[in-house]
Amino acid sequence: SQLAERSGVPATPLRFYEGAGPLPADRTPSGHRIHGEEAVERLA
């Protein structure tokens, strides 16, 4: 949700990009997706 707000790209495409390969994500122990600062530039 924070990445979506920072990048202007809605969360649904972000999840799709992760599944398709161009936007990898790490996971918290509880399973939430987490991204580093580099994800904003990668999304651009």
All heavy atoms as atom14 arrays in JSON, in Angstrom:
{
  "sequence": "SQLAERSGVPATPLRFYEGAGPLPADRTPSGHRIHGEEAVERLA",
  "atom14_mask": [
    [1, 1, 1, 1, 1, 1, 0, 0, 0, 0, 0, 0, 0, 0],
    [1, 1, 1, 1, 1, 1, 1, 1, 1, 0, 0, 0, 0, 0],
    [1, 1, 1, 1, 1, 1, 1, 1, 0, 0, 0, 0, 0, 0],
    [1, 1, 1, 1, 1, 0, 0, 0, 0, 0, 0, 0, 0, 0],
    [1, 1, 1, 1, 1, 1, 1, 1, 1, 0, 0, 0, 0, 0],
    [1, 1, 1, 1, 1, 1, 1, 1, 1, 1, 1, 0, 0, 0],
    [1, 1, 1, 1, 1, 1, 0, 0, 0, 0, 0, 0, 0, 0],
    [1, 1, 1, 1, 0, 0, 0, 0, 0, 0, 0, 0, 0, 0],
    [1, 1, 1, 1, 1, 1, 1, 0, 0, 0, 0, 0, 0, 0],
    [1, 1, 1, 1, 1, 1, 1, 0, 0, 0, 0, 0, 0, 0],
    [1, 1, 1, 1, 1, 0, 0, 0, 0, 0, 0, 0, 0, 0],
    [1, 1, 1, 1, 1, 1, 1, 0, 0, 0, 0, 0, 0, 0],
    [1, 1, 1, 1, 1, 1, 1, 0, 0, 0, 0, 0, 0, 0],
    [1, 1, 1, 1, 1, 1, 1, 1, 0, 0, 0, 0, 0, 0],
    [1, 1, 1, 1, 1, 1, 1, 1, 1, 1, 1, 0, 0, 0],
    [1, 1, 1, 1, 1, 1, 1, 1, 1, 1, 1, 0, 0, 0],
    [1, 1, 1, 1, 1, 1, 1, 1, 1, 1, 1, 1, 0, 0],
    [1, 1, 1, 1, 1, 1, 1, 1, 1, 0, 0, 0, 0, 0],
    [1, 1, 1, 1, 0, 0, 0, 0, 0, 0, 0, 0, 0, 0],
    [1, 1, 1, 1, 1, 0, 0, 0, 0, 0, 0, 0, 0, 0],
    [1, 1, 1, 1, 0, 0, 0, 0, 0, 0, 0, 0, 0, 0],
    [1, 1, 1, 1, 1, 1, 1, 0, 0, 0, 0, 0, 0, 0],
    [1, 1, 1, 1, 1, 1, 1, 1, 0, 0, 0, 0, 0, 0],
    [1, 1, 1, 1, 1, 1, 1, 0, 0, 0, 0, 0, 0, 0],
    [1, 1, 1, 1, 1, 0, 0, 0, 0, 0, 0, 0, 0, 0],
    [1, 1, 1, 1, 1, 1, 1, 1, 0, 0, 0, 0, 0, 0],
    [1, 1, 1, 1, 1, 1, 1, 1, 1, 1, 1, 0, 0, 0],
    [1, 1, 1, 1, 1, 1, 1, 0, 0, 0, 0, 0, 0, 0],
    [1, 1, 1, 1, 1, 1, 1, 0, 0, 0, 0, 0, 0, 0],
    [1, 1, 1, 1, 1, 1, 0, 0, 0, 0, 0, 0, 0, 0],
    [1, 1, 1, 1, 0, 0, 0, 0, 0, 0, 0, 0, 0, 0],
    [1, 1, 1, 1, 1, 1, 1, 1, 1, 1, 0, 0, 0, 0],
    [1, 1, 1, 1, 1, 1, 1, 1, 1, 1, 1, 0, 0, 0],
    [1, 1, 1, 1, 1, 1, 1, 1, 0, 0, 0, 0, 0, 0],
    [1, 1, 1, 1, 1, 1, 1, 1, 1, 1, 0, 0, 0, 0],
    [1, 1, 1, 1, 0, 0, 0, 0, 0, 0, 0, 0, 0, 0],
    [1, 1, 1, 1, 1, 1, 1, 1, 1, 0, 0, 0, 0, 0],
    [1, 1, 1, 1, 1, 1, 1, 1, 1, 0, 0, 0, 0, 0],
    [1, 1, 1, 1, 1, 0, 0, 0, 0, 0, 0, 0, 0, 0],
    [1, 1, 1, 1, 1, 1, 1, 0, 0, 0, 0, 0, 0, 0],
    [1, 1, 1, 1, 1, 1, 1, 1, 1, 0, 0, 0, 0, 0],
    [1, 1, 1, 1, 1, 1, 1, 1, 1, 1, 1, 0, 0, 0],
    [1, 1, 1, 1, 1, 1, 1, 1, 0, 0, 0, 0, 0, 0],
    [1, 1, 1, 1, 1, 0, 0, 0, 0, 0, 0, 0, 0, 0]
  ],
  "atom14_positions": [
    [[0.84, -1.21, 0.0], [0.0, 0.0, 0.0], [0.87, 1.26, 0.0], [0.53, 2.25, -0.65], [-0.94, 0.01, 1.2], [-0.2, -0.02, 2.41], [0.0, 0.0, 0.0], [0.0, 0.0, 0.0], [0.0, 0.0, 0.0], [0.0, 0.0, 0.0], [0.0, 0.0, 0.0], [0.0, 0.0, 0.0], [0.0, 0.0, 0.0], [0.0, 0.0, 0.0]],
    [[1.98, 1.21, 0.72], [2.89, 2.36, 0.75], [3.57, 2.54, -0.61], [3.73, 3.66, -1.08], [3.93, 2.18, 1.85], [3.34, 2.17, 3.24], [4.32, 1.64, 4.27], [4.95, 0.6, 4.07], [4.45, 2.37, 5.37], [0.0, 0.0, 0.0], [0.0, 0.0, 0.0], [0.0, 0.0, 0.0], [0.0, 0.0, 0.0], [0.0, 0.0, 0.0]],
    [[3.97, 1.42, -1.23], [4.59, 1.49, -2.55], [3.6, 2.04, -3.57], [3.95, 2.85, -4.42], [5.11, 0.12, -2.97], [5.75, 0.04, -4.35], [6.93, 1.0, -4.47], [6.19, -1.4, -4.65], [0.0, 0.0, 0.0], [0.0, 0.0, 0.0], [0.0, 0.0, 0.0], [0.0, 0.0, 0.0], [0.0, 0.0, 0.0], [0.0, 0.0, 0.0]],
    [[2.35, 1.6, -3.48], [1.32, 2.1, -4.39], [1.16, 3.61, -4.24], [1.08, 4.34, -5.23], [0.0, 1.39, -4.11], [0.0, 0.0, 0.0], [0.0, 0.0, 0.0], [0.0, 0.0, 0.0], [0.0, 0.0, 0.0], [0.0, 0.0, 0.0], [0.0, 0.0, 0.0], [0.0, 0.0, 0.0], [0.0, 0.0, 0.0], [0.0, 0.0, 0.0]],
    [[1.15, 4.07, -3.02], [1.01, 5.51, -2.77], [2.22, 6.29, -3.29], [2.06, 7.32, -3.95], [0.85, 5.76, -1.27], [0.56, 7.2, -0.92], [0.34, 7.38, 0.57], [-0.41, 6.57, 1.16], [0.93, 8.32, 1.12], [0.0, 0.0, 0.0], [0.0, 0.0, 0.0], [0.0, 0.0, 0.0], [0.0, 0.0, 0.0], [0.0, 0.0, 0.0]],
    [[3.42, 5.78, -3.05], [4.64, 6.47, -3.49], [4.79, 6.48, -5.0], [5.29, 7.44, -5.58], [5.89, 5.8, -2.88], [6.04, 5.96, -1.42], [7.09, 6.96, -0.95], [8.24, 7.18, -1.73], [9.44, 6.62, -1.54], [9.62, 5.77, -0.55], [10.45, 6.94, -2.3], [0.0, 0.0, 0.0], [0.0, 0.0, 0.0], [0.0, 0.0, 0.0]],
    [[4.4, 5.39, -5.65], [4.64, 5.25, -7.09], [3.48, 5.73, -7.94], [3.66, 5.99, -9.13], [4.93, 3.79, -7.42], [3.78, 2.99, -7.21], [0.0, 0.0, 0.0], [0.0, 0.0, 0.0], [0.0, 0.0, 0.0], [0.0, 0.0, 0.0], [0.0, 0.0, 0.0], [0.0, 0.0, 0.0], [0.0, 0.0, 0.0], [0.0, 0.0, 0.0]],
    [[2.29, 5.78, -7.37], [1.11, 6.13, -8.15], [0.55, 4.95, -8.93], [-0.37, 5.1, -9.73], [0.0, 0.0, 0.0], [0.0, 0.0, 0.0], [0.0, 0.0, 0.0], [0.0, 0.0, 0.0], [0.0, 0.0, 0.0], [0.0, 0.0, 0.0], [0.0, 0.0, 0.0], [0.0, 0.0, 0.0], [0.0, 0.0, 0.0], [0.0, 0.0, 0.0]],
    [[1.09, 3.76, -8.72], [0.61, 2.55, -9.37], [-0.25, 1.8, -8.37], [0.2, 1.52, -7.26], [1.79, 1.66, -9.84], [1.27, 0.38, -10.47], [2.69, 2.41, -10.8], [0.0, 0.0, 0.0], [0.0, 0.0, 0.0], [0.0, 0.0, 0.0], [0.0, 0.0, 0.0], [0.0, 0.0, 0.0], [0.0, 0.0, 0.0], [0.0, 0.0, 0.0]],
    [[-1.5, 1.48, -8.7], [-2.38, 0.78, -7.76], [-1.81, -0.57, -7.32], [-1.0, -1.18, -8.0], [-3.68, 0.59, -8.54], [-3.63, 1.62, -9.62], [-2.18, 1.8, -9.96], [0.0, 0.0, 0.0], [0.0, 0.0, 0.0], [0.0, 0.0, 0.0], [0.0, 0.0, 0.0], [0.0, 0.0, 0.0], [0.0, 0.0, 0.0], [0.0, 0.0, 0.0]],
    [[-2.27, -1.05, -6.17], [-1.76, -2.29, -5.58], [-2.03, -3.51, -6.47], [-1.2, -4.41, -6.54], [-2.37, -2.5, -4.2], [0.0, 0.0, 0.0], [0.0, 0.0, 0.0], [0.0, 0.0, 0.0], [0.0, 0.0, 0.0], [0.0, 0.0, 0.0], [0.0, 0.0, 0.0], [0.0, 0.0, 0.0], [0.0, 0.0, 0.0], [0.0, 0.0, 0.0]],
    [[-3.16, -3.53, -7.18], [-3.47, -4.71, -8.01], [-2.41, -4.95, -9.09], [-1.91, -6.07, -9.21], [-4.88, -4.57, -8.62], [-5.83, -4.47, -7.56], [-5.22, -5.78, -9.49], [0.0, 0.0, 0.0], [0.0, 0.0, 0.0], [0.0, 0.0, 0.0], [0.0, 0.0, 0.0], [0.0, 0.0, 0.0], [0.0, 0.0, 0.0], [0.0, 0.0, 0.0]],
    [[-2.02, -3.93, -9.88], [-0.94, -4.16, -10.84], [0.39, -4.52, -10.15], [1.16, -5.31, -10.69], [-0.81, -2.84, -11.6], [-2.09, -2.14, -11.4], [-2.62, -2.6, -10.08], [0.0, 0.0, 0.0], [0.0, 0.0, 0.0], [0.0, 0.0, 0.0], [0.0, 0.0, 0.0], [0.0, 0.0, 0.0], [0.0, 0.0, 0.0], [0.0, 0.0, 0.0]],
    [[0.63, -3.97, -8.98], [1.87, -4.31, -8.27], [1.91, -5.8, -7.96], [2.95, -6.45, -8.14], [2.01, -3.5, -6.98], [2.12, -1.98, -7.14], [2.22, -1.31, -5.78], [3.28, -1.61, -8.03], [0.0, 0.0, 0.0], [0.0, 0.0, 0.0], [0.0, 0.0, 0.0], [0.0, 0.0, 0.0], [0.0, 0.0, 0.0], [0.0, 0.0, 0.0]],
    [[0.8, -6.34, -7.51], [0.74, -7.78, -7.23], [0.94, -8.58, -8.52], [1.62, -9.61, -8.54], [-0.6, -8.13, -6.58], [-0.74, -7.62, -5.18], [-2.08, -8.07, -4.56], [-2.29, -7.38, -3.31], [-3.04, -6.28, -3.17], [-3.68, -5.77, -4.22], [-3.18, -5.71, -2.0], [0.0, 0.0, 0.0], [0.0, 0.0, 0.0], [0.0, 0.0, 0.0]],
    [[0.32, -8.1, -9.6], [0.48, -8.78, -10.89], [1.94, -8.74, -11.34], [2.48, -9.74, -11.8], [-0.43, -8.13, -11.93], [-0.33, -8.77, -13.28], [-0.92, -10.01, -13.51], [0.37, -8.16, -14.3], [-0.82, -10.61, -14.76], [0.46, -8.77, -15.55], [-0.13, -9.99, -15.77], [0.0, 0.0, 0.0], [0.0, 0.0, 0.0], [0.0, 0.0, 0.0]],
    [[2.59, -7.58, -11.22], [3.99, -7.45, -11.61], [4.87, -8.4, -10.8], [5.83, -8.96, -11.31], [4.5, -6.02, -11.43], [3.87, -4.99, -12.34], [4.0, -3.64, -12.04], [3.16, -5.33, -13.48], [3.44, -2.67, -12.87], [2.59, -4.38, -14.29], [2.73, -3.05, -13.98], [2.18, -2.1, -14.79], [0.0, 0.0, 0.0], [0.0, 0.0, 0.0]],
    [[4.55, -8.56, -9.54], [5.32, -9.49, -8.72], [5.18, -10.91, -9.25], [6.17, -11.62, -9.44], [4.88, -9.44, -7.26], [5.66, -10.41, -6.4], [5.1, -10.6, -5.01], [4.12, -9.94, -4.64], [5.66, -11.46, -4.3], [0.0, 0.0, 0.0], [0.0, 0.0, 0.0], [0.0, 0.0, 0.0], [0.0, 0.0, 0.0], [0.0, 0.0, 0.0]],
    [[3.96, -11.31, -9.54], [3.73, -12.66, -10.03], [4.34, -12.9, -11.41], [4.82, -14.0, -11.7], [0.0, 0.0, 0.0], [0.0, 0.0, 0.0], [0.0, 0.0, 0.0], [0.0, 0.0, 0.0], [0.0, 0.0, 0.0], [0.0, 0.0, 0.0], [0.0, 0.0, 0.0], [0.0, 0.0, 0.0], [0.0, 0.0, 0.0], [0.0, 0.0, 0.0]],
    [[4.35, -11.87, -12.25], [4.88, -12.0, -13.61], [6.4, -11.88, -13.65], [7.01, -12.21, -14.66], [4.25, -10.95, -14.52], [0.0, 0.0, 0.0], [0.0, 0.0, 0.0], [0.0, 0.0, 0.0], [0.0, 0.0, 0.0], [0.0, 0.0, 0.0], [0.0, 0.0, 0.0], [0.0, 0.0, 0.0], [0.0, 0.0, 0.0], [0.0, 0.0, 0.0]],
    [[7.01, -11.36, -12.6], [8.46, -11.33, -12.56], [9.18, -10.0, -12.47], [10.24, -9.94, -11.88], [0.0, 0.0, 0.0], [0.0, 0.0, 0.0], [0.0, 0.0, 0.0], [0.0, 0.0, 0.0], [0.0, 0.0, 0.0], [0.0, 0.0, 0.0], [0.0, 0.0, 0.0], [0.0, 0.0, 0.0], [0.0, 0.0, 0.0], [0.0, 0.0, 0.0]],
    [[8.65, -8.9, -13.05], [9.48, -7.7, -13.07], [9.56, -6.93, -11.74], [10.38, -6.05, -11.6], [8.85, -6.82, -14.14], [7.47, -7.31, -14.3], [7.47, -8.75, -13.9], [0.0, 0.0, 0.0], [0.0, 0.0, 0.0], [0.0, 0.0, 0.0], [0.0, 0.0, 0.0], [0.0, 0.0, 0.0], [0.0, 0.0, 0.0], [0.0, 0.0, 0.0]],
    [[8.73, -7.28, -10.75], [8.78, -6.57, -9.47], [8.86, -7.58, -8.32], [7.86, -7.94, -7.71], [7.54, -5.67, -9.3], [7.55, -4.79, -8.06], [8.65, -3.74, -8.15], [6.2, -4.13, -7.87], [0.0, 0.0, 0.0], [0.0, 0.0, 0.0], [0.0, 0.0, 0.0], [0.0, 0.0, 0.0], [0.0, 0.0, 0.0], [0.0, 0.0, 0.0]],
    [[10.06, -8.04, -8.01], [10.18, -9.0, -6.91], [9.84, -8.34, -5.57], [10.0, -7.14, -5.41], [11.65, -9.43, -6.97], [12.34, -8.33, -7.69], [11.34, -7.7, -8.6], [0.0, 0.0, 0.0], [0.0, 0.0, 0.0], [0.0, 0.0, 0.0], [0.0, 0.0, 0.0], [0.0, 0.0, 0.0], [0.0, 0.0, 0.0], [0.0, 0.0, 0.0]],
    [[9.36, -9.15, -4.66], [9.04, -8.66, -3.31], [9.52, -9.66, -2.29], [9.54, -10.87, -2.54], [7.54, -8.45, -3.17], [0.0, 0.0, 0.0], [0.0, 0.0, 0.0], [0.0, 0.0, 0.0], [0.0, 0.0, 0.0], [0.0, 0.0, 0.0], [0.0, 0.0, 0.0], [0.0, 0.0, 0.0], [0.0, 0.0, 0.0], [0.0, 0.0, 0.0]],
    [[9.92, -9.14, -1.16], [10.21, -9.99, -0.01], [8.91, -10.13, 0.77], [7.93, -9.45, 0.49], [11.3, -9.35, 0.87], [12.64, -9.3, 0.17], [12.94, -10.22, -0.62], [13.39, -8.34, 0.41], [0.0, 0.0, 0.0], [0.0, 0.0, 0.0], [0.0, 0.0, 0.0], [0.0, 0.0, 0.0], [0.0, 0.0, 0.0], [0.0, 0.0, 0.0]],
    [[8.92, -11.0, 1.73], [7.73, -11.2, 2.57], [8.12, -11.07, 4.03], [9.21, -11.46, 4.44], [7.14, -12.6, 2.34], [6.64, -12.87, 0.94], [5.31, -12.26, 0.73], [4.83, -12.54, -0.63], [3.56, -12.59, -0.93], [2.64, -12.42, -0.02], [3.2, -12.82, -2.17], [0.0, 0.0, 0.0], [0.0, 0.0, 0.0], [0.0, 0.0, 0.0]],
    [[7.19, -10.51, 4.79], [7.37, -10.47, 6.24], [7.05, -11.86, 6.79], [6.46, -12.68, 6.07], [6.43, -9.43, 6.88], [5.08, -9.87, 6.7], [6.64, -8.05, 6.31], [0.0, 0.0, 0.0], [0.0, 0.0, 0.0], [0.0, 0.0, 0.0], [0.0, 0.0, 0.0], [0.0, 0.0, 0.0], [0.0, 0.0, 0.0], [0.0, 0.0, 0.0]],
    [[7.4, -12.13, 8.04], [7.02, -13.43, 8.61], [5.52, -13.69, 8.56], [5.08, -14.83, 8.48], [7.52, -13.33, 10.06], [8.66, -12.36, 9.99], [8.25, -11.36, 8.94], [0.0, 0.0, 0.0], [0.0, 0.0, 0.0], [0.0, 0.0, 0.0], [0.0, 0.0, 0.0], [0.0, 0.0, 0.0], [0.0, 0.0, 0.0], [0.0, 0.0, 0.0]],
    [[4.72, -12.62, 8.56], [3.27, -12.8, 8.49], [2.74, -12.87, 7.05], [1.55, -12.98, 6.82], [2.56, -11.67, 9.24], [2.89, -10.42, 8.67], [0.0, 0.0, 0.0], [0.0, 0.0, 0.0], [0.0, 0.0, 0.0], [0.0, 0.0, 0.0], [0.0, 0.0, 0.0], [0.0, 0.0, 0.0], [0.0, 0.0, 0.0], [0.0, 0.0, 0.0]],
    [[3.66, -12.79, 6.06], [3.27, -12.97, 4.66], [3.0, -11.7, 3.88], [2.66, -11.76, 2.71], [0.0, 0.0, 0.0], [0.0, 0.0, 0.0], [0.0, 0.0, 0.0], [0.0, 0.0, 0.0], [0.0, 0.0, 0.0], [0.0, 0.0, 0.0], [0.0, 0.0, 0.0], [0.0, 0.0, 0.0], [0.0, 0.0, 0.0], [0.0, 0.0, 0.0]],
    [[3.12, -10.52, 4.51], [2.91, -9.27, 3.77], [4.07, -9.01, 2.83], [5.22, -9.27, 3.16], [2.8, -8.08, 4.75], [1.57, -8.12, 5.57], [1.56, -8.52, 6.88], [0.29, -7.81, 5.26], [0.33, -8.45, 7.36], [-0.46, -8.03, 6.38], [0.0, 0.0, 0.0], [0.0, 0.0, 0.0], [0.0, 0.0, 0.0], [0.0, 0.0, 0.0]],
    [[3.74, -8.48, 1.65], [4.78, -8.1, 0.69], [5.49, -6.86, 1.22], [4.85, -5.93, 1.69], [4.16, -7.75, -0.66], [3.56, -8.9, -1.39], [2.79, -8.37, -2.61], [2.25, -9.45, -3.4], [1.08, -10.04, -3.17], [0.32, -9.63, -2.19], [0.66, -11.03, -3.93], [0.0, 0.0, 0.0], [0.0, 0.0, 0.0], [0.0, 0.0, 0.0]],
    [[6.82, -6.85, 1.06], [7.58, -5.65, 1.4], [8.57, -5.38, 0.28], [9.1, -6.28, -0.35], [8.3, -5.76, 2.76], [9.16, -7.02, 2.85], [7.32, -5.67, 3.92], [10.03, -7.08, 4.08], [0.0, 0.0, 0.0], [0.0, 0.0, 0.0], [0.0, 0.0, 0.0], [0.0, 0.0, 0.0], [0.0, 0.0, 0.0], [0.0, 0.0, 0.0]],
    [[8.77, -4.09, 0.05], [9.65, -3.64, -1.03], [10.61, -2.6, -0.48], [10.28, -1.83, 0.41], [8.83, -2.99, -2.16], [7.85, -3.91, -2.79], [8.18, -4.72, -3.85], [6.55, -4.16, -2.52], [7.12, -5.43, -4.2], [6.12, -5.11, -3.4], [0.0, 0.0, 0.0], [0.0, 0.0, 0.0], [0.0, 0.0, 0.0], [0.0, 0.0, 0.0]],
    [[11.8, -2.56, -1.07], [12.77, -1.54, -0.72], [12.56, -0.29, -1.54], [11.71, -0.24, -2.44], [0.0, 0.0, 0.0], [0.0, 0.0, 0.0], [0.0, 0.0, 0.0], [0.0, 0.0, 0.0], [0.0, 0.0, 0.0], [0.0, 0.0, 0.0], [0.0, 0.0, 0.0], [0.0, 0.0, 0.0], [0.0, 0.0, 0.0], [0.0, 0.0, 0.0]],
    [[13.33, 0.73, -1.24], [13.23, 2.01, -1.96], [13.47, 1.85, -3.46], [12.91, 2.59, -4.26], [14.25, 3.02, -1.39], [13.92, 3.49, 0.0], [12.68, 4.36, 0.05], [12.43, 5.12, -0.92], [11.95, 4.28, 1.05], [0.0, 0.0, 0.0], [0.0, 0.0, 0.0], [0.0, 0.0, 0.0], [0.0, 0.0, 0.0], [0.0, 0.0, 0.0]],
    [[14.29, 0.89, -3.85], [14.6, 0.7, -5.27], [13.37, 0.32, -6.09], [13.33, 0.48, -7.31], [15.69, -0.35, -5.45], [15.26, -1.78, -5.2], [15.14, -2.19, -3.73], [15.55, -1.41, -2.84], [14.61, -3.29, -3.47], [0.0, 0.0, 0.0], [0.0, 0.0, 0.0], [0.0, 0.0, 0.0], [0.0, 0.0, 0.0], [0.0, 0.0, 0.0]],
    [[12.32, -0.16, -5.42], [11.1, -0.57, -6.12], [10.41, 0.62, -6.79], [9.78, 0.46, -7.84], [10.15, -1.26, -5.16], [0.0, 0.0, 0.0], [0.0, 0.0, 0.0], [0.0, 0.0, 0.0], [0.0, 0.0, 0.0], [0.0, 0.0, 0.0], [0.0, 0.0, 0.0], [0.0, 0.0, 0.0], [0.0, 0.0, 0.0], [0.0, 0.0, 0.0]],
    [[10.53, 1.81, -6.22], [9.89, 3.0, -6.81], [10.53, 3.29, -8.17], [9.82, 3.5, -9.17], [10.01, 4.22, -5.87], [9.44, 5.46, -6.53], [9.32, 3.94, -4.55], [0.0, 0.0, 0.0], [0.0, 0.0, 0.0], [0.0, 0.0, 0.0], [0.0, 0.0, 0.0], [0.0, 0.0, 0.0], [0.0, 0.0, 0.0], [0.0, 0.0, 0.0]],
    [[11.85, 3.27, -8.24], [12.54, 3.51, -9.51], [12.28, 2.37, -10.49], [12.08, 2.59, -11.68], [14.04, 3.67, -9.25], [14.82, 4.08, -10.47], [16.28, 4.31, -10.18], [16.69, 4.32, -9.01], [17.03, 4.46, -11.16], [0.0, 0.0, 0.0], [0.0, 0.0, 0.0], [0.0, 0.0, 0.0], [0.0, 0.0, 0.0], [0.0, 0.0, 0.0]],
    [[12.27, 1.16, -10.0], [12.0, 0.0, -10.84], [10.6, 0.1, -11.47], [10.42, -0.18, -12.64], [12.14, -1.27, -10.01], [12.08, -2.55, -10.8], [12.32, -3.74, -9.87], [12.42, -4.95, -10.6], [13.53, -5.48, -11.07], [14.68, -4.88, -10.85], [13.53, -6.6, -11.75], [0.0, 0.0, 0.0], [0.0, 0.0, 0.0], [0.0, 0.0, 0.0]],
    [[9.63, 0.52, -10.67], [8.27, 0.7, -11.19], [8.21, 1.78, -12.25], [7.49, 1.62, -13.24], [7.32, 1.06, -10.05], [6.66, -0.13, -9.38], [5.9, 0.32, -8.15], [5.75, -0.86, -10.34], [0.0, 0.0, 0.0], [0.0, 0.0, 0.0], [0.0, 0.0, 0.0], [0.0, 0.0, 0.0], [0.0, 0.0, 0.0], [0.0, 0.0, 0.0]],
    [[8.94, 2.86, -12.06], [8.97, 3.91, -13.07], [9.49, 3.36, -14.39], [8.96, 3.65, -15.47], [9.82, 5.09, -12.6], [0.0, 0.0, 0.0], [0.0, 0.0, 0.0], [0.0, 0.0, 0.0], [0.0, 0.0, 0.0], [0.0, 0.0, 0.0], [0.0, 0.0, 0.0], [0.0, 0.0, 0.0], [0.0, 0.0, 0.0], [0.0, 0.0, 0.0]]
  ]
}
